[in-house]
All heavy atoms as atom14 arrays in JSON, in Angstrom:
{
  "sequence": "MPISAGEHRAIVKAIASGDAEAAGRAMFDHVMESKERTIQNHMQRQA",
  "atom14_mask": [
    [1, 1, 1, 1, 1, 1, 1, 1, 0, 0, 0, 0, 0, 0],
    [1, 1, 1, 1, 1, 1, 1, 0, 0, 0, 0, 0, 0, 0],
    [1, 1, 1, 1, 1, 1, 1, 1, 0, 0, 0, 0, 0, 0],
    [1, 1, 1, 1, 1, 1, 0, 0, 0, 0, 0, 0, 0, 0],
    [1, 1, 1, 1, 1, 0, 0, 0, 0, 0, 0, 0, 0, 0],
    [1, 1, 1, 1, 0, 0, 0, 0, 0, 0, 0, 0, 0, 0],
    [1, 1, 1, 1, 1, 1, 1, 1, 1, 0, 0, 0, 0, 0],
    [1, 1, 1, 1, 1, 1, 1, 1, 1, 1, 0, 0, 0, 0],
    [1, 1, 1, 1, 1, 1, 1, 1, 1, 1, 1, 0, 0, 0],
    [1, 1, 1, 1, 1, 0, 0, 0, 0, 0, 0, 0, 0, 0],
    [1, 1, 1, 1, 1, 1, 1, 1, 0, 0, 0, 0, 0, 0],
    [1, 1, 1, 1, 1, 1, 1, 0, 0, 0, 0, 0, 0, 0],
    [1, 1, 1, 1, 1, 1, 1, 1, 1, 0, 0, 0, 0, 0],
    [1, 1, 1, 1, 1, 0, 0, 0, 0, 0, 0, 0, 0, 0],
    [1, 1, 1, 1, 1, 1, 1, 1, 0, 0, 0, 0, 0, 0],
    [1, 1, 1, 1, 1, 0, 0, 0, 0, 0, 0, 0, 0, 0],
    [1, 1, 1, 1, 1, 1, 0, 0, 0, 0, 0, 0, 0, 0],
    [1, 1, 1, 1, 0, 0, 0, 0, 0, 0, 0, 0, 0, 0],
    [1, 1, 1, 1, 1, 1, 1, 1, 0, 0, 0, 0, 0, 0],
    [1, 1, 1, 1, 1, 0, 0, 0, 0, 0, 0, 0, 0, 0],
    [1, 1, 1, 1, 1, 1, 1, 1, 1, 0, 0, 0, 0, 0],
    [1, 1, 1, 1, 1, 0, 0, 0, 0, 0, 0, 0, 0, 0],
    [1, 1, 1, 1, 1, 0, 0, 0, 0, 0, 0, 0, 0, 0],
    [1, 1, 1, 1, 0, 0, 0, 0, 0, 0, 0, 0, 0, 0],
    [1, 1, 1, 1, 1, 1, 1, 1, 1, 1, 1, 0, 0, 0],
    [1, 1, 1, 1, 1, 0, 0, 0, 0, 0, 0, 0, 0, 0],
    [1, 1, 1, 1, 1, 1, 1, 1, 0, 0, 0, 0, 0, 0],
    [1, 1, 1, 1, 1, 1, 1, 1, 1, 1, 1, 0, 0, 0],
    [1, 1, 1, 1, 1, 1, 1, 1, 0, 0, 0, 0, 0, 0],
    [1, 1, 1, 1, 1, 1, 1, 1, 1, 1, 0, 0, 0, 0],
    [1, 1, 1, 1, 1, 1, 1, 0, 0, 0, 0, 0, 0, 0],
    [1, 1, 1, 1, 1, 1, 1, 1, 0, 0, 0, 0, 0, 0],
    [1, 1, 1, 1, 1, 1, 1, 1, 1, 0, 0, 0, 0, 0],
    [1, 1, 1, 1, 1, 1, 0, 0, 0, 0, 0, 0, 0, 0],
    [1, 1, 1, 1, 1, 1, 1, 1, 1, 0, 0, 0, 0, 0],
    [1, 1, 1, 1, 1, 1, 1, 1, 1, 0, 0, 0, 0, 0],
    [1, 1, 1, 1, 1, 1, 1, 1, 1, 1, 1, 0, 0, 0],
    [1, 1, 1, 1, 1, 1, 1, 0, 0, 0, 0, 0, 0, 0],
    [1, 1, 1, 1, 1, 1, 1, 1, 0, 0, 0, 0, 0, 0],
    [1, 1, 1, 1, 1, 1, 1, 1, 1, 0, 0, 0, 0, 0],
    [1, 1, 1, 1, 1, 1, 1, 1, 0, 0, 0, 0, 0, 0],
    [1, 1, 1, 1, 1, 1, 1, 1, 1, 1, 0, 0, 0, 0],
    [1, 1, 1, 1, 1, 1, 1, 1, 0, 0, 0, 0, 0, 0],
    [1, 1, 1, 1, 1, 1, 1, 1, 1, 0, 0, 0, 0, 0],
    [1, 1, 1, 1, 1, 1, 1, 1, 1, 1, 1, 0, 0, 0],
    [1, 1, 1, 1, 1, 1, 1, 1, 1, 0, 0, 0, 0, 0],
    [1, 1, 1, 1, 1, 0, 0, 0, 0, 0, 0, 0, 0, 0]
  ],
  "atom14_positions": [
    [[11.06, -0.72, 3.68], [10.42, -1.9, 4.42], [9.48, -1.35, 5.62], [8.42, -1.87, 5.82], [11.49, -2.83, 4.97], [12.09, -3.66, 3.94], [12.97, -4.99, 4.42], [14.24, -4.34, 5.47], [0.0, 0.0, 0.0], [0.0, 0.0, 0.0], [0.0, 0.0, 0.0], [0.0, 0.0, 0.0], [0.0, 0.0, 0.0], [0.0, 0.0, 0.0]],
    [[9.99, -0.47, 6.45], [9.05, -0.05, 7.53], [7.71, 0.61, 6.94], [6.65, 0.41, 7.62], [9.82, 1.08, 8.31], [11.31, 0.88, 7.9], [11.19, 0.28, 6.52], [0.0, 0.0, 0.0], [0.0, 0.0, 0.0], [0.0, 0.0, 0.0], [0.0, 0.0, 0.0], [0.0, 0.0, 0.0], [0.0, 0.0, 0.0], [0.0, 0.0, 0.0]],
    [[7.83, 1.36, 5.86], [6.69, 1.96, 5.22], [5.74, 0.85, 4.88], [4.55, 0.95, 4.98], [7.06, 2.88, 4.07], [7.82, 4.05, 4.61], [5.79, 3.4, 3.4], [8.5, 4.8, 3.42], [0.0, 0.0, 0.0], [0.0, 0.0, 0.0], [0.0, 0.0, 0.0], [0.0, 0.0, 0.0], [0.0, 0.0, 0.0], [0.0, 0.0, 0.0]],
    [[6.26, -0.09, 4.14], [5.52, -1.29, 3.64], [4.85, -2.03, 4.74], [3.74, -2.41, 4.71], [6.37, -2.17, 2.78], [5.65, -3.43, 2.32], [0.0, 0.0, 0.0], [0.0, 0.0, 0.0], [0.0, 0.0, 0.0], [0.0, 0.0, 0.0], [0.0, 0.0, 0.0], [0.0, 0.0, 0.0], [0.0, 0.0, 0.0], [0.0, 0.0, 0.0]],
    [[5.67, -2.24, 5.83], [5.06, -2.97, 6.91], [3.9, -2.3, 7.58], [2.94, -2.84, 8.04], [6.14, -3.22, 8.04], [0.0, 0.0, 0.0], [0.0, 0.0, 0.0], [0.0, 0.0, 0.0], [0.0, 0.0, 0.0], [0.0, 0.0, 0.0], [0.0, 0.0, 0.0], [0.0, 0.0, 0.0], [0.0, 0.0, 0.0], [0.0, 0.0, 0.0]],
    [[4.01, -0.96, 7.7], [3.0, -0.06, 8.28], [1.76, -0.26, 7.48], [0.5, -0.2, 7.98], [0.0, 0.0, 0.0], [0.0, 0.0, 0.0], [0.0, 0.0, 0.0], [0.0, 0.0, 0.0], [0.0, 0.0, 0.0], [0.0, 0.0, 0.0], [0.0, 0.0, 0.0], [0.0, 0.0, 0.0], [0.0, 0.0, 0.0], [0.0, 0.0, 0.0]],
    [[1.81, -0.26, 6.1], [0.61, -0.44, 5.2], [-0.01, -1.88, 5.34], [-1.24, -1.92, 5.37], [1.02, -0.33, 3.82], [1.64, 1.09, 3.46], [2.15, 1.28, 1.98], [2.22, 0.25, 1.3], [2.55, 2.36, 1.66], [0.0, 0.0, 0.0], [0.0, 0.0, 0.0], [0.0, 0.0, 0.0], [0.0, 0.0, 0.0], [0.0, 0.0, 0.0]],
    [[0.78, -2.87, 5.68], [0.19, -4.01, 5.83], [-0.53, -4.19, 7.28], [-1.61, -4.88, 7.24], [1.31, -5.19, 5.93], [1.8, -5.51, 4.46], [2.86, -4.83, 3.9], [1.49, -6.44, 3.61], [3.0, -5.3, 2.74], [2.29, -6.28, 2.45], [0.0, 0.0, 0.0], [0.0, 0.0, 0.0], [0.0, 0.0, 0.0], [0.0, 0.0, 0.0]],
    [[-0.04, -3.51, 8.26], [-0.59, -3.44, 9.51], [-2.03, -2.79, 9.44], [-3.0, -3.07, 10.05], [0.25, -2.77, 10.58], [-0.4, -2.65, 11.81], [-0.61, -3.96, 12.56], [0.72, -4.59, 12.96], [0.83, -5.8, 13.45], [-0.28, -6.58, 13.72], [1.95, -6.36, 13.89], [0.0, 0.0, 0.0], [0.0, 0.0, 0.0], [0.0, 0.0, 0.0]],
    [[-2.03, -1.62, 8.52], [-3.25, -0.91, 8.31], [-4.34, -1.78, 7.53], [-5.55, -1.7, 7.83], [-2.92, 0.25, 7.51], [0.0, 0.0, 0.0], [0.0, 0.0, 0.0], [0.0, 0.0, 0.0], [0.0, 0.0, 0.0], [0.0, 0.0, 0.0], [0.0, 0.0, 0.0], [0.0, 0.0, 0.0], [0.0, 0.0, 0.0], [0.0, 0.0, 0.0]],
    [[-3.81, -2.63, 6.69], [-4.77, -3.53, 5.96], [-5.4, -4.5, 7.02], [-6.7, -4.67, 6.89], [-3.93, -4.33, 4.96], [-3.64, -3.4, 3.73], [-4.76, -5.48, 4.38], [-2.7, -4.0, 2.73], [0.0, 0.0, 0.0], [0.0, 0.0, 0.0], [0.0, 0.0, 0.0], [0.0, 0.0, 0.0], [0.0, 0.0, 0.0], [0.0, 0.0, 0.0]],
    [[-4.62, -5.14, 7.95], [-5.19, -6.04, 8.74], [-6.11, -5.3, 9.67], [-7.26, -5.89, 10.01], [-4.05, -6.69, 9.68], [-4.77, -7.4, 10.73], [-3.11, -7.53, 8.72], [0.0, 0.0, 0.0], [0.0, 0.0, 0.0], [0.0, 0.0, 0.0], [0.0, 0.0, 0.0], [0.0, 0.0, 0.0], [0.0, 0.0, 0.0], [0.0, 0.0, 0.0]],
    [[-5.85, -4.18, 10.19], [-6.78, -3.4, 10.99], [-8.02, -3.12, 10.34], [-9.27, -3.21, 10.85], [-6.12, -2.08, 11.37], [-6.92, -1.21, 12.42], [-6.08, 0.06, 12.73], [-6.9, 0.87, 13.82], [-6.25, 2.07, 14.21], [0.0, 0.0, 0.0], [0.0, 0.0, 0.0], [0.0, 0.0, 0.0], [0.0, 0.0, 0.0], [0.0, 0.0, 0.0]],
    [[-8.02, -2.75, 9.06], [-9.24, -2.48, 8.33], [-10.15, -3.76, 8.14], [-11.31, -3.7, 8.21], [-8.86, -1.76, 6.95], [0.0, 0.0, 0.0], [0.0, 0.0, 0.0], [0.0, 0.0, 0.0], [0.0, 0.0, 0.0], [0.0, 0.0, 0.0], [0.0, 0.0, 0.0], [0.0, 0.0, 0.0], [0.0, 0.0, 0.0], [0.0, 0.0, 0.0]],
    [[-9.5, -4.82, 7.76], [-10.23, -6.02, 7.58], [-10.85, -6.51, 8.91], [-12.03, -6.97, 8.93], [-9.28, -7.11, 7.24], [-8.92, -6.94, 5.65], [-9.96, -8.53, 7.28], [-7.73, -7.84, 5.14], [0.0, 0.0, 0.0], [0.0, 0.0, 0.0], [0.0, 0.0, 0.0], [0.0, 0.0, 0.0], [0.0, 0.0, 0.0], [0.0, 0.0, 0.0]],
    [[-10.14, -6.35, 10.11], [-10.65, -6.69, 11.31], [-11.8, -5.8, 11.74], [-12.62, -6.35, 12.57], [-9.49, -6.69, 12.33], [0.0, 0.0, 0.0], [0.0, 0.0, 0.0], [0.0, 0.0, 0.0], [0.0, 0.0, 0.0], [0.0, 0.0, 0.0], [0.0, 0.0, 0.0], [0.0, 0.0, 0.0], [0.0, 0.0, 0.0], [0.0, 0.0, 0.0]],
    [[-11.83, -4.67, 11.25], [-13.03, -3.82, 11.63], [-14.33, -4.13, 10.99], [-15.31, -3.79, 11.55], [-12.62, -2.34, 11.13], [-12.8, -2.19, 9.7], [0.0, 0.0, 0.0], [0.0, 0.0, 0.0], [0.0, 0.0, 0.0], [0.0, 0.0, 0.0], [0.0, 0.0, 0.0], [0.0, 0.0, 0.0], [0.0, 0.0, 0.0], [0.0, 0.0, 0.0]],
    [[-14.25, -5.0, 9.93], [-15.43, -5.36, 9.41], [-16.01, -4.22, 8.43], [-17.09, -4.48, 7.77], [0.0, 0.0, 0.0], [0.0, 0.0, 0.0], [0.0, 0.0, 0.0], [0.0, 0.0, 0.0], [0.0, 0.0, 0.0], [0.0, 0.0, 0.0], [0.0, 0.0, 0.0], [0.0, 0.0, 0.0], [0.0, 0.0, 0.0], [0.0, 0.0, 0.0]],
    [[-15.39, -3.31, 8.1], [-15.73, -2.3, 7.27], [-15.28, -2.73, 5.8], [-13.98, -2.45, 5.49], [-15.16, -0.95, 7.74], [-15.71, 0.28, 6.95], [-15.95, 0.04, 5.76], [-15.69, 1.42, 7.39], [0.0, 0.0, 0.0], [0.0, 0.0, 0.0], [0.0, 0.0, 0.0], [0.0, 0.0, 0.0], [0.0, 0.0, 0.0], [0.0, 0.0, 0.0]],
    [[-16.16, -3.17, 4.96], [-15.76, -3.55, 3.7], [-15.09, -2.41, 2.77], [-14.15, -2.68, 2.11], [-16.84, -4.21, 2.97], [0.0, 0.0, 0.0], [0.0, 0.0, 0.0], [0.0, 0.0, 0.0], [0.0, 0.0, 0.0], [0.0, 0.0, 0.0], [0.0, 0.0, 0.0], [0.0, 0.0, 0.0], [0.0, 0.0, 0.0], [0.0, 0.0, 0.0]],
    [[-15.68, -1.28, 2.96], [-15.2, -0.2, 2.13], [-13.77, 0.21, 2.51], [-12.92, 0.39, 1.74], [-16.11, 1.0, 2.18], [-15.6, 2.33, 1.29], [-16.66, 3.42, 1.4], [-17.79, 3.27, 1.85], [-16.24, 4.46, 0.87], [0.0, 0.0, 0.0], [0.0, 0.0, 0.0], [0.0, 0.0, 0.0], [0.0, 0.0, 0.0], [0.0, 0.0, 0.0]],
    [[-13.57, 0.26, 3.93], [-12.23, 0.73, 4.35], [-11.18, -0.35, 4.03], [-9.94, -0.05, 3.56], [-12.34, 0.98, 5.86], [0.0, 0.0, 0.0], [0.0, 0.0, 0.0], [0.0, 0.0, 0.0], [0.0, 0.0, 0.0], [0.0, 0.0, 0.0], [0.0, 0.0, 0.0], [0.0, 0.0, 0.0], [0.0, 0.0, 0.0], [0.0, 0.0, 0.0]],
    [[-11.46, -1.64, 4.18], [-10.63, -2.76, 3.74], [-10.28, -2.76, 2.35], [-9.17, -2.93, 1.97], [-11.26, -4.06, 4.11], [0.0, 0.0, 0.0], [0.0, 0.0, 0.0], [0.0, 0.0, 0.0], [0.0, 0.0, 0.0], [0.0, 0.0, 0.0], [0.0, 0.0, 0.0], [0.0, 0.0, 0.0], [0.0, 0.0, 0.0], [0.0, 0.0, 0.0]],
    [[-11.23, -2.54, 1.47], [-10.95, -2.6, 0.04], [-10.15, -1.44, -0.19], [-9.16, -1.6, -1.13], [0.0, 0.0, 0.0], [0.0, 0.0, 0.0], [0.0, 0.0, 0.0], [0.0, 0.0, 0.0], [0.0, 0.0, 0.0], [0.0, 0.0, 0.0], [0.0, 0.0, 0.0], [0.0, 0.0, 0.0], [0.0, 0.0, 0.0], [0.0, 0.0, 0.0]],
    [[-10.34, -0.19, 0.31], [-9.6, 0.91, -0.07], [-8.08, 0.72, 0.47], [-7.16, 1.19, -0.1], [-10.32, 2.22, 0.68], [-9.57, 3.58, 0.26], [-10.33, 4.66, 0.71], [-10.49, 4.77, 2.12], [-11.58, 4.51, 2.81], [-12.74, 4.27, 2.09], [-11.65, 4.61, 4.08], [0.0, 0.0, 0.0], [0.0, 0.0, 0.0], [0.0, 0.0, 0.0]],
    [[-7.89, 0.21, 1.73], [-6.59, -0.03, 2.23], [-5.86, -0.94, 1.29], [-4.66, -0.55, 0.97], [-6.74, -0.65, 3.59], [0.0, 0.0, 0.0], [0.0, 0.0, 0.0], [0.0, 0.0, 0.0], [0.0, 0.0, 0.0], [0.0, 0.0, 0.0], [0.0, 0.0, 0.0], [0.0, 0.0, 0.0], [0.0, 0.0, 0.0], [0.0, 0.0, 0.0]],
    [[-6.3, -1.97, 0.79], [-5.66, -2.91, -0.06], [-5.43, -2.16, -1.44], [-4.21, -2.27, -1.98], [-6.33, -4.25, -0.23], [-6.4, -4.91, 1.02], [-6.85, -6.69, 0.81], [-5.48, -7.35, -0.14], [0.0, 0.0, 0.0], [0.0, 0.0, 0.0], [0.0, 0.0, 0.0], [0.0, 0.0, 0.0], [0.0, 0.0, 0.0], [0.0, 0.0, 0.0]],
    [[-6.27, -1.54, -1.98], [-6.13, -0.86, -3.21], [-5.07, 0.28, -3.14], [-4.19, 0.23, -3.97], [-7.46, -0.05, -3.71], [-7.46, 0.61, -5.06], [-7.69, -0.06, -5.99], [-7.06, 2.03, -4.96], [-7.62, 0.62, -7.4], [-6.98, 2.71, -6.2], [-7.27, 2.04, -7.4], [0.0, 0.0, 0.0], [0.0, 0.0, 0.0], [0.0, 0.0, 0.0]],
    [[-5.08, 1.04, -2.04], [-4.02, 2.14, -1.93], [-2.78, 1.47, -1.67], [-1.68, 2.1, -2.3], [-4.38, 2.92, -0.73], [-5.73, 3.83, -0.87], [-6.1, 4.06, -2.07], [-6.29, 4.4, 0.09], [0.0, 0.0, 0.0], [0.0, 0.0, 0.0], [0.0, 0.0, 0.0], [0.0, 0.0, 0.0], [0.0, 0.0, 0.0], [0.0, 0.0, 0.0]],
    [[-2.63, 0.43, -1.05], [-1.26, -0.26, -0.92], [-0.61, -0.61, -2.13], [0.6, -0.36, -2.34], [-1.43, -1.45, 0.07], [-0.27, -2.23, 0.2], [0.9, -1.86, 0.73], [0.0, -3.56, -0.28], [1.85, -2.85, 0.57], [1.3, -3.87, 0.1], [0.0, 0.0, 0.0], [0.0, 0.0, 0.0], [0.0, 0.0, 0.0], [0.0, 0.0, 0.0]],
    [[-1.4, -1.24, -3.04], [-0.97, -1.7, -4.42], [-0.56, -0.45, -5.28], [0.44, -0.4, -5.89], [-1.89, -2.48, -5.16], [-1.45, -2.93, -6.58], [-2.2, -3.82, -4.35], [0.0, 0.0, 0.0], [0.0, 0.0, 0.0], [0.0, 0.0, 0.0], [0.0, 0.0, 0.0], [0.0, 0.0, 0.0], [0.0, 0.0, 0.0], [0.0, 0.0, 0.0]],
    [[-1.49, 0.62, -5.15], [-1.11, 1.83, -5.82], [0.16, 2.57, -5.42], [0.96, 3.18, -6.17], [-2.35, 2.69, -5.9], [-3.58, 2.28, -6.53], [-3.25, 1.49, -8.19], [-3.26, 3.09, -9.13], [0.0, 0.0, 0.0], [0.0, 0.0, 0.0], [0.0, 0.0, 0.0], [0.0, 0.0, 0.0], [0.0, 0.0, 0.0], [0.0, 0.0, 0.0]],
    [[0.36, 2.52, -4.09], [1.63, 3.16, -3.63], [2.92, 2.31, -3.99], [3.88, 2.78, -4.33], [1.54, 3.11, -1.95], [0.6, 4.18, -1.34], [1.22, 5.55, -1.56], [2.38, 5.7, -1.6], [0.18, 6.42, -1.62], [0.0, 0.0, 0.0], [0.0, 0.0, 0.0], [0.0, 0.0, 0.0], [0.0, 0.0, 0.0], [0.0, 0.0, 0.0]],
    [[2.76, 0.9, -4.04], [3.72, 0.16, -4.56], [4.03, 0.45, -6.04], [5.22, 0.51, -6.39], [3.29, -1.45, -4.45], [3.28, -1.76, -3.07], [0.0, 0.0, 0.0], [0.0, 0.0, 0.0], [0.0, 0.0, 0.0], [0.0, 0.0, 0.0], [0.0, 0.0, 0.0], [0.0, 0.0, 0.0], [0.0, 0.0, 0.0], [0.0, 0.0, 0.0]],
    [[2.96, 0.7, -6.79], [3.26, 1.08, -8.24], [3.84, 2.31, -8.23], [4.94, 2.37, -9.1], [1.82, 1.18, -8.86], [1.98, 1.46, -10.36], [0.57, 1.61, -11.02], [0.09, 3.05, -10.91], [-1.1, 3.33, -11.89], [0.0, 0.0, 0.0], [0.0, 0.0, 0.0], [0.0, 0.0, 0.0], [0.0, 0.0, 0.0], [0.0, 0.0, 0.0]],
    [[3.55, 3.35, -7.56], [4.28, 4.6, -7.62], [5.73, 4.54, -7.21], [6.63, 5.06, -7.66], [3.59, 5.76, -6.78], [2.2, 6.12, -7.36], [2.2, 6.6, -8.7], [3.15, 7.46, -8.98], [1.48, 6.21, -9.56], [0.0, 0.0, 0.0], [0.0, 0.0, 0.0], [0.0, 0.0, 0.0], [0.0, 0.0, 0.0], [0.0, 0.0, 0.0]],
    [[5.92, 3.71, -6.18], [7.39, 3.5, -5.76], [8.26, 2.76, -6.78], [9.34, 3.09, -7.06], [7.43, 2.63, -4.48], [6.95, 3.39, -3.15], [7.4, 2.54, -1.91], [6.55, 1.49, -1.7], [5.41, 1.42, -1.01], [5.07, 2.57, -0.27], [4.8, 0.22, -0.68], [0.0, 0.0, 0.0], [0.0, 0.0, 0.0], [0.0, 0.0, 0.0]],
    [[7.51, 1.83, -7.58], [8.19, 1.16, -8.67], [8.65, 2.18, -9.82], [9.68, 2.03, -10.27], [7.25, 0.09, -9.23], [7.11, -0.93, -8.15], [7.89, -0.62, -10.36], [0.0, 0.0, 0.0], [0.0, 0.0, 0.0], [0.0, 0.0, 0.0], [0.0, 0.0, 0.0], [0.0, 0.0, 0.0], [0.0, 0.0, 0.0], [0.0, 0.0, 0.0]],
    [[7.56, 2.92, -10.1], [7.83, 3.93, -11.07], [9.05, 4.86, -10.73], [9.95, 5.22, -11.51], [6.53, 4.72, -11.48], [5.49, 3.89, -12.14], [6.91, 5.97, -12.54], [4.2, 4.46, -12.19], [0.0, 0.0, 0.0], [0.0, 0.0, 0.0], [0.0, 0.0, 0.0], [0.0, 0.0, 0.0], [0.0, 0.0, 0.0], [0.0, 0.0, 0.0]],
    [[8.96, 5.38, -9.6], [10.03, 6.37, -9.13], [11.33, 5.75, -9.03], [12.31, 6.32, -9.48], [9.64, 6.91, -7.56], [8.45, 7.73, -7.68], [8.04, 8.14, -6.25], [8.86, 7.9, -5.24], [6.9, 8.7, -6.22], [0.0, 0.0, 0.0], [0.0, 0.0, 0.0], [0.0, 0.0, 0.0], [0.0, 0.0, 0.0], [0.0, 0.0, 0.0]],
    [[11.5, 4.31, -8.56], [12.77, 3.62, -8.6], [13.3, 3.47, -9.93], [14.45, 3.61, -10.17], [12.59, 2.33, -7.79], [12.49, 2.47, -6.3], [12.62, 3.48, -5.92], [12.09, 1.41, -5.61], [0.0, 0.0, 0.0], [0.0, 0.0, 0.0], [0.0, 0.0, 0.0], [0.0, 0.0, 0.0], [0.0, 0.0, 0.0], [0.0, 0.0, 0.0]],
    [[12.37, 3.12, -10.83], [12.73, 2.91, -12.31], [13.33, 4.22, -12.86], [14.42, 4.09, -13.52], [11.57, 2.47, -13.07], [11.79, 2.29, -14.62], [12.61, 1.19, -14.96], [11.5, 3.02, -15.66], [12.59, 1.42, -16.33], [12.02, 2.54, -16.7], [0.0, 0.0, 0.0], [0.0, 0.0, 0.0], [0.0, 0.0, 0.0], [0.0, 0.0, 0.0]],
    [[12.6, 5.42, -12.57], [13.09, 6.61, -13.16], [14.45, 6.91, -12.65], [15.32, 7.5, -13.3], [12.06, 7.67, -12.92], [10.81, 7.52, -13.75], [9.48, 8.8, -13.2], [10.22, 10.15, -13.79], [0.0, 0.0, 0.0], [0.0, 0.0, 0.0], [0.0, 0.0, 0.0], [0.0, 0.0, 0.0], [0.0, 0.0, 0.0], [0.0, 0.0, 0.0]],
    [[14.61, 6.68, -11.31], [15.93, 7.02, -10.7], [17.02, 6.2, -11.26], [18.15, 6.71, -11.54], [15.82, 6.87, -9.2], [15.02, 7.84, -8.42], [14.78, 7.54, -7.05], [15.21, 6.5, -6.47], [14.03, 8.33, -6.19], [0.0, 0.0, 0.0], [0.0, 0.0, 0.0], [0.0, 0.0, 0.0], [0.0, 0.0, 0.0], [0.0, 0.0, 0.0]],
    [[16.72, 4.88, -11.41], [17.84, 4.1, -12.1], [18.17, 4.46, -13.51], [19.18, 4.39, -13.97], [17.29, 2.67, -11.96], [17.53, 2.01, -10.42], [17.0, 0.54, -10.48], [17.2, 0.01, -9.22], [16.5, 0.12, -8.12], [15.33, 0.84, -8.32], [16.85, -0.41, -7.0], [0.0, 0.0, 0.0], [0.0, 0.0, 0.0], [0.0, 0.0, 0.0]],
    [[17.08, 4.82, -14.28], [17.25, 5.14, -15.62], [18.1, 6.54, -15.72], [18.82, 6.65, -16.68], [15.89, 5.43, -16.24], [15.08, 4.41, -16.47], [15.67, 3.37, -17.59], [16.36, 2.43, -17.22], [15.51, 3.56, -18.84], [0.0, 0.0, 0.0], [0.0, 0.0, 0.0], [0.0, 0.0, 0.0], [0.0, 0.0, 0.0], [0.0, 0.0, 0.0]],
    [[17.97, 7.33, -14.66], [18.54, 8.67, -14.67], [20.07, 8.53, -14.17], [20.95, 9.32, -14.48], [17.88, 9.77, -13.76], [0.0, 0.0, 0.0], [0.0, 0.0, 0.0], [0.0, 0.0, 0.0], [0.0, 0.0, 0.0], [0.0, 0.0, 0.0], [0.0, 0.0, 0.0], [0.0, 0.0, 0.0], [0.0, 0.0, 0.0], [0.0, 0.0, 0.0]]
  ]
}
């Protein structure tokens, strides 16, 4: 949860900056990190 909350704070900061590329990248990276966590959790449970 603290990791996820930090990513959300970074998203808001990027949007507030007005930098479209940074905001888009922050949101893209957040979802991809969530995907990787999901895969890792799944593999751990399978094992």
